Amino acid sequence: MKHYVIIALGSNRQQTVHIQWASERLEEMLSDCRMSRTIWTDDIKGSGKKYLNRLVCGTTTLSVETLERELKQMEVIRKRTKEQVTLDLDLMQYDQQRYHEKDWPRPYIQQLIPDII
């Protein structure tokens, strides 16, 4: 069975390199993959760091647990830490279930959603 997913990508270190790498992996992992444009945002915590953000949607046969494990493994491969967010991958939606509810109203999410739906 295929499941519809939306994944948010973000990076605050070597941003273009890490977003491109993750985009390529997700394109291999998802069917019917669509990607938003990338946009720059300021860190919501006020650190002064710039983030590059993108949304990706598509379908997968993976369970929600397996998909989340795969996303976290991608972060580990890119050596993500709390300070150096080389790659942040958040599952935002799986079929009709939304995740990270506090992130949905953020301006960058609202700007990028029309790109993929």
N, C-alpha and C. Protein backbone atom coordinates (compact mmCIF):
# COMPACT_ATOMS: atom_id res chain seq x y z
N MET A 1 0.84 -1.19 0.00
CA MET A 1 0.00 0.00 0.00
C MET A 1 0.88 1.25 0.00
N LYS A 2 0.51 2.21 -0.83
CA LYS A 2 1.28 3.45 -0.90
C LYS A 2 0.73 4.49 0.07
N HIS A 3 1.65 5.20 0.71
CA HIS A 3 1.30 6.23 1.68
C HIS A 3 1.85 7.57 1.20
N TYR A 4 1.02 8.60 1.31
CA TYR A 4 1.42 9.96 0.92
C TYR A 4 2.16 10.60 2.08
N VAL A 5 3.33 11.21 1.78
CA VAL A 5 4.15 11.82 2.83
C VAL A 5 4.60 13.21 2.41
N ILE A 6 4.80 14.07 3.41
CA ILE A 6 5.46 15.36 3.24
C ILE A 6 6.60 15.40 4.24
N ILE A 7 7.78 15.77 3.76
CA ILE A 7 8.98 15.83 4.59
C ILE A 7 9.57 17.22 4.47
N ALA A 8 9.92 17.80 5.62
CA ALA A 8 10.59 19.11 5.65
C ALA A 8 12.09 18.90 5.79
N LEU A 9 12.86 19.62 4.99
CA LEU A 9 14.31 19.56 5.02
C LEU A 9 14.84 20.92 5.47
N GLY A 10 15.86 20.89 6.31
CA GLY A 10 16.51 22.12 6.73
C GLY A 10 17.97 21.86 7.02
N SER A 11 18.79 22.91 6.84
CA SER A 11 20.22 22.82 7.11
C SER A 11 20.75 24.19 7.46
N ASN A 12 21.67 24.26 8.45
CA ASN A 12 22.31 25.54 8.79
C ASN A 12 23.83 25.49 8.62
N ARG A 13 24.33 24.46 7.99
CA ARG A 13 25.78 24.33 7.77
C ARG A 13 26.01 23.66 6.42
N GLN A 14 26.82 24.29 5.57
CA GLN A 14 27.01 23.79 4.20
C GLN A 14 25.64 23.44 3.61
N GLN A 15 24.75 24.40 3.71
CA GLN A 15 23.34 24.20 3.44
C GLN A 15 23.04 23.60 2.07
N THR A 16 23.59 24.19 1.04
CA THR A 16 23.28 23.72 -0.31
C THR A 16 23.71 22.28 -0.51
N VAL A 17 24.89 21.93 -0.02
CA VAL A 17 25.42 20.58 -0.16
C VAL A 17 24.50 19.56 0.53
N HIS A 18 24.10 19.86 1.76
CA HIS A 18 23.30 18.90 2.52
C HIS A 18 21.87 18.79 2.01
N ILE A 19 21.27 19.90 1.61
CA ILE A 19 19.91 19.85 1.07
C ILE A 19 19.90 19.10 -0.25
N GLN A 20 20.91 19.31 -1.09
CA GLN A 20 20.99 18.59 -2.36
C GLN A 20 21.16 17.09 -2.12
N TRP A 21 22.04 16.73 -1.19
CA TRP A 21 22.27 15.31 -0.88
C TRP A 21 20.97 14.66 -0.41
N ALA A 22 20.27 15.30 0.52
CA ALA A 22 19.03 14.73 1.05
C ALA A 22 17.95 14.66 -0.03
N SER A 23 17.89 15.68 -0.87
CA SER A 23 16.90 15.69 -1.95
C SER A 23 17.11 14.50 -2.88
N GLU A 24 18.35 14.22 -3.21
CA GLU A 24 18.66 13.07 -4.07
C GLU A 24 18.28 11.76 -3.41
N ARG A 25 18.57 11.60 -2.11
CA ARG A 25 18.20 10.37 -1.41
C ARG A 25 16.68 10.20 -1.37
N LEU A 26 15.97 11.29 -1.09
CA LEU A 26 14.51 11.21 -1.01
C LEU A 26 13.90 10.92 -2.37
N GLU A 27 14.48 11.44 -3.41
CA GLU A 27 13.99 11.17 -4.76
C GLU A 27 14.12 9.68 -5.08
N GLU A 28 15.17 9.03 -4.57
CA GLU A 28 15.35 7.59 -4.75
C GLU A 28 14.36 6.80 -3.89
N MET A 29 14.04 7.33 -2.73
CA MET A 29 13.23 6.63 -1.73
C MET A 29 11.73 6.73 -2.00
N LEU A 30 11.29 7.85 -2.59
CA LEU A 30 9.86 8.11 -2.76
C LEU A 30 9.44 7.98 -4.22
N SER A 31 8.22 7.51 -4.43
CA SER A 31 7.61 7.52 -5.76
C SER A 31 6.87 8.84 -5.91
N ASP A 32 6.65 9.24 -7.14
CA ASP A 32 5.88 10.48 -7.41
C ASP A 32 6.44 11.67 -6.63
N CYS A 33 7.76 11.72 -6.51
CA CYS A 33 8.43 12.73 -5.69
C CYS A 33 8.33 14.11 -6.32
N ARG A 34 7.93 15.09 -5.51
CA ARG A 34 7.90 16.49 -5.91
C ARG A 34 8.64 17.31 -4.86
N MET A 35 9.42 18.28 -5.34
CA MET A 35 10.22 19.10 -4.43
C MET A 35 9.85 20.56 -4.60
N SER A 36 9.82 21.25 -3.48
CA SER A 36 9.62 22.70 -3.52
C SER A 36 10.93 23.37 -3.90
N ARG A 37 10.84 24.64 -4.14
CA ARG A 37 12.06 25.43 -4.28
C ARG A 37 12.73 25.48 -2.91
N THR A 38 13.93 25.99 -2.83
CA THR A 38 14.59 26.18 -1.54
C THR A 38 14.48 27.66 -1.16
N ILE A 39 14.34 27.91 0.13
CA ILE A 39 14.33 29.29 0.61
C ILE A 39 15.19 29.40 1.86
N TRP A 40 15.75 30.59 2.05
CA TRP A 40 16.57 30.88 3.21
C TRP A 40 15.69 31.45 4.31
N THR A 41 15.95 31.02 5.55
CA THR A 41 15.23 31.54 6.71
C THR A 41 16.22 31.79 7.84
N ASP A 42 15.81 32.67 8.76
CA ASP A 42 16.60 32.90 9.97
C ASP A 42 16.26 31.83 10.99
N ASP A 43 17.21 31.49 11.83
CA ASP A 43 16.99 30.54 12.92
C ASP A 43 15.89 31.09 13.83
N ILE A 44 14.87 30.29 14.11
CA ILE A 44 13.77 30.75 14.96
C ILE A 44 14.21 30.98 16.39
N LYS A 45 15.37 30.43 16.77
CA LYS A 45 15.88 30.63 18.13
C LYS A 45 16.75 31.88 18.24
N GLY A 46 16.92 32.59 17.14
CA GLY A 46 17.66 33.84 17.18
C GLY A 46 19.17 33.72 17.24
N SER A 47 19.71 32.58 16.80
CA SER A 47 21.17 32.37 16.85
C SER A 47 21.92 33.17 15.79
N GLY A 48 21.21 33.68 14.82
CA GLY A 48 21.85 34.38 13.71
C GLY A 48 22.22 33.46 12.56
N LYS A 49 22.06 32.16 12.74
CA LYS A 49 22.39 31.21 11.67
C LYS A 49 21.27 31.23 10.63
N LYS A 50 21.66 31.03 9.40
CA LYS A 50 20.72 30.96 8.28
C LYS A 50 20.45 29.49 7.95
N TYR A 51 19.20 29.20 7.70
CA TYR A 51 18.79 27.86 7.30
C TYR A 51 18.36 27.88 5.83
N LEU A 52 18.64 26.80 5.13
CA LEU A 52 18.08 26.56 3.81
C LEU A 52 17.01 25.50 4.01
N ASN A 53 15.82 25.77 3.49
CA ASN A 53 14.68 24.89 3.71
C ASN A 53 14.06 24.45 2.39
N ARG A 54 13.45 23.26 2.42
CA ARG A 54 12.73 22.70 1.27
C ARG A 54 11.67 21.74 1.81
N LEU A 55 10.60 21.56 1.05
CA LEU A 55 9.62 20.52 1.33
C LEU A 55 9.66 19.52 0.18
N VAL A 56 9.45 18.26 0.54
CA VAL A 56 9.39 17.18 -0.44
C VAL A 56 8.14 16.37 -0.14
N CYS A 57 7.42 15.98 -1.19
CA CYS A 57 6.29 15.08 -0.99
C CYS A 57 6.40 13.93 -1.99
N GLY A 58 5.70 12.87 -1.69
CA GLY A 58 5.70 11.70 -2.55
C GLY A 58 4.96 10.57 -1.88
N THR A 59 5.11 9.39 -2.43
CA THR A 59 4.48 8.21 -1.85
C THR A 59 5.55 7.17 -1.52
N THR A 60 5.21 6.35 -0.53
CA THR A 60 6.13 5.31 -0.10
C THR A 60 5.33 4.10 0.38
N THR A 61 5.97 2.94 0.32
CA THR A 61 5.37 1.74 0.90
C THR A 61 5.90 1.48 2.30
N LEU A 62 6.84 2.32 2.75
CA LEU A 62 7.41 2.16 4.09
C LEU A 62 6.39 2.50 5.16
N SER A 63 6.47 1.81 6.29
CA SER A 63 5.65 2.18 7.44
C SER A 63 6.14 3.50 8.00
N VAL A 64 5.32 4.17 8.79
CA VAL A 64 5.72 5.45 9.37
C VAL A 64 6.97 5.27 10.24
N GLU A 65 7.05 4.18 10.98
CA GLU A 65 8.21 3.94 11.85
C GLU A 65 9.48 3.73 11.03
N THR A 66 9.37 2.96 9.97
CA THR A 66 10.54 2.71 9.13
C THR A 66 10.98 3.98 8.42
N LEU A 67 10.04 4.75 7.93
CA LEU A 67 10.38 6.00 7.26
C LEU A 67 11.09 6.96 8.23
N GLU A 68 10.56 7.10 9.43
CA GLU A 68 11.20 7.99 10.41
C GLU A 68 12.60 7.50 10.76
N ARG A 69 12.78 6.20 10.87
CA ARG A 69 14.13 5.64 11.12
C ARG A 69 15.08 5.99 9.98
N GLU A 70 14.60 5.85 8.76
CA GLU A 70 15.43 6.17 7.59
C GLU A 70 15.81 7.65 7.58
N LEU A 71 14.88 8.52 7.92
CA LEU A 71 15.17 9.95 7.95
C LEU A 71 16.22 10.27 9.02
N LYS A 72 16.07 9.67 10.20
CA LYS A 72 17.04 9.91 11.27
C LYS A 72 18.41 9.35 10.90
N GLN A 73 18.43 8.23 10.20
CA GLN A 73 19.70 7.66 9.76
C GLN A 73 20.40 8.59 8.77
N MET A 74 19.63 9.24 7.92
CA MET A 74 20.21 10.22 7.00
C MET A 74 20.85 11.37 7.76
N GLU A 75 20.21 11.82 8.85
CA GLU A 75 20.79 12.88 9.68
C GLU A 75 22.10 12.41 10.31
N VAL A 76 22.14 11.17 10.78
CA VAL A 76 23.35 10.61 11.39
C VAL A 76 24.49 10.56 10.35
N ILE A 77 24.17 10.12 9.15
CA ILE A 77 25.18 10.03 8.09
C ILE A 77 25.81 11.40 7.83
N ARG A 78 24.99 12.45 7.91
CA ARG A 78 25.48 13.81 7.66
C ARG A 78 26.02 14.47 8.93
N LYS A 79 26.15 13.69 10.00
CA LYS A 79 26.79 14.13 11.26
C LYS A 79 26.10 15.34 11.90
N ARG A 80 24.79 15.26 11.98
CA ARG A 80 24.02 16.32 12.60
C ARG A 80 24.27 16.36 14.11
N THR A 81 24.41 17.59 14.64
CA THR A 81 24.46 17.81 16.08
C THR A 81 23.43 18.89 16.41
N LYS A 82 23.21 19.15 17.69
CA LYS A 82 22.27 20.21 18.09
C LYS A 82 22.73 21.57 17.59
N GLU A 83 24.04 21.81 17.63
CA GLU A 83 24.59 23.10 17.22
C GLU A 83 24.73 23.22 15.71
N GLN A 84 25.22 22.17 15.09
CA GLN A 84 25.44 22.16 13.65
C GLN A 84 24.38 21.28 12.99
N VAL A 85 23.33 21.93 12.56
CA VAL A 85 22.23 21.19 11.93
C VAL A 85 22.58 21.02 10.46
N THR A 86 23.49 20.07 10.23
CA THR A 86 23.88 19.79 8.85
C THR A 86 22.67 19.35 8.06
N LEU A 87 21.77 18.62 8.71
CA LEU A 87 20.57 18.15 8.05
C LEU A 87 19.49 17.86 9.08
N ASP A 88 18.33 18.44 8.87
CA ASP A 88 17.16 18.17 9.71
C ASP A 88 16.05 17.71 8.79
N LEU A 89 15.57 16.51 9.01
CA LEU A 89 14.50 15.93 8.20
C LEU A 89 13.34 15.61 9.12
N ASP A 90 12.22 16.28 8.90
CA ASP A 90 11.04 16.06 9.73
C ASP A 90 9.89 15.55 8.89
N LEU A 91 9.33 14.43 9.30
CA LEU A 91 8.12 13.91 8.67
C LEU A 91 6.97 14.81 9.11
N MET A 92 6.41 15.52 8.16
CA MET A 92 5.34 16.47 8.46
C MET A 92 3.96 15.85 8.31
N GLN A 93 3.84 14.92 7.35
CA GLN A 93 2.55 14.28 7.12
C GLN A 93 2.77 12.87 6.59
N TYR A 94 1.92 11.96 7.07
CA TYR A 94 1.91 10.57 6.61
C TYR A 94 0.45 10.22 6.40
N ASP A 95 0.06 10.04 5.16
CA ASP A 95 -1.36 9.92 4.79
C ASP A 95 -2.10 11.13 5.35
N GLN A 96 -3.12 10.93 6.16
CA GLN A 96 -3.89 12.06 6.69
C GLN A 96 -3.38 12.56 8.04
N GLN A 97 -2.39 11.88 8.61
CA GLN A 97 -1.87 12.24 9.93
C GLN A 97 -0.78 13.30 9.80
N ARG A 98 -0.98 14.44 10.46
CA ARG A 98 0.03 15.50 10.47
C ARG A 98 0.90 15.37 11.71
N TYR A 99 2.17 15.71 11.55
CA TYR A 99 3.14 15.71 12.64
C TYR A 99 3.73 17.12 12.75
N HIS A 100 4.44 17.39 13.83
CA HIS A 100 5.09 18.69 14.03
C HIS A 100 4.08 19.82 13.85
N GLU A 101 2.97 19.71 14.56
CA GLU A 101 1.87 20.67 14.42
C GLU A 101 2.34 22.12 14.60
N LYS A 102 3.30 22.34 15.49
CA LYS A 102 3.76 23.72 15.73
C LYS A 102 4.51 24.30 14.54
N ASP A 103 4.99 23.44 13.65
CA ASP A 103 5.73 23.91 12.48
C ASP A 103 4.83 24.28 11.30
N TRP A 104 3.64 23.72 11.22
CA TRP A 104 2.76 23.97 10.07
C TRP A 104 2.47 25.45 9.83
N PRO A 105 2.24 26.25 10.88
CA PRO A 105 1.96 27.68 10.63
C PRO A 105 3.19 28.52 10.27
N ARG A 106 4.39 27.98 10.41
CA ARG A 106 5.59 28.77 10.15
C ARG A 106 5.55 29.32 8.71
N PRO A 107 6.02 30.56 8.55
CA PRO A 107 5.95 31.18 7.22
C PRO A 107 6.62 30.37 6.11
N TYR A 108 7.78 29.76 6.38
CA TYR A 108 8.45 29.03 5.30
C TYR A 108 7.66 27.80 4.88
N ILE A 109 6.99 27.13 5.82
CA ILE A 109 6.15 25.98 5.45
C ILE A 109 4.99 26.47 4.58
N GLN A 110 4.34 27.53 5.01
CA GLN A 110 3.22 28.07 4.26
C GLN A 110 3.64 28.57 2.87
N GLN A 111 4.85 29.10 2.75
CA GLN A 111 5.35 29.56 1.45
C GLN A 111 5.65 28.39 0.51
N LEU A 112 6.13 27.27 1.07
CA LEU A 112 6.58 26.16 0.23
C LEU A 112 5.49 25.13 -0.10
N ILE A 113 4.48 25.03 0.73
CA ILE A 113 3.41 24.04 0.50
C ILE A 113 2.81 24.14 -0.91
N PRO A 114 2.50 25.36 -1.41
CA PRO A 114 1.92 25.42 -2.76
C PRO A 114 2.83 24.85 -3.86
N ASP A 115 4.13 24.80 -3.61
CA ASP A 115 5.06 24.25 -4.60
C ASP A 115 4.85 22.74 -4.82
N ILE A 116 4.35 22.05 -3.81
CA ILE A 116 4.32 20.58 -3.90
C ILE A 116 2.92 20.00 -3.95
N ILE A 117 1.89 20.82 -3.71
CA ILE A 117 0.53 20.25 -3.76
C ILE A 117 -0.29 20.87 -4.88
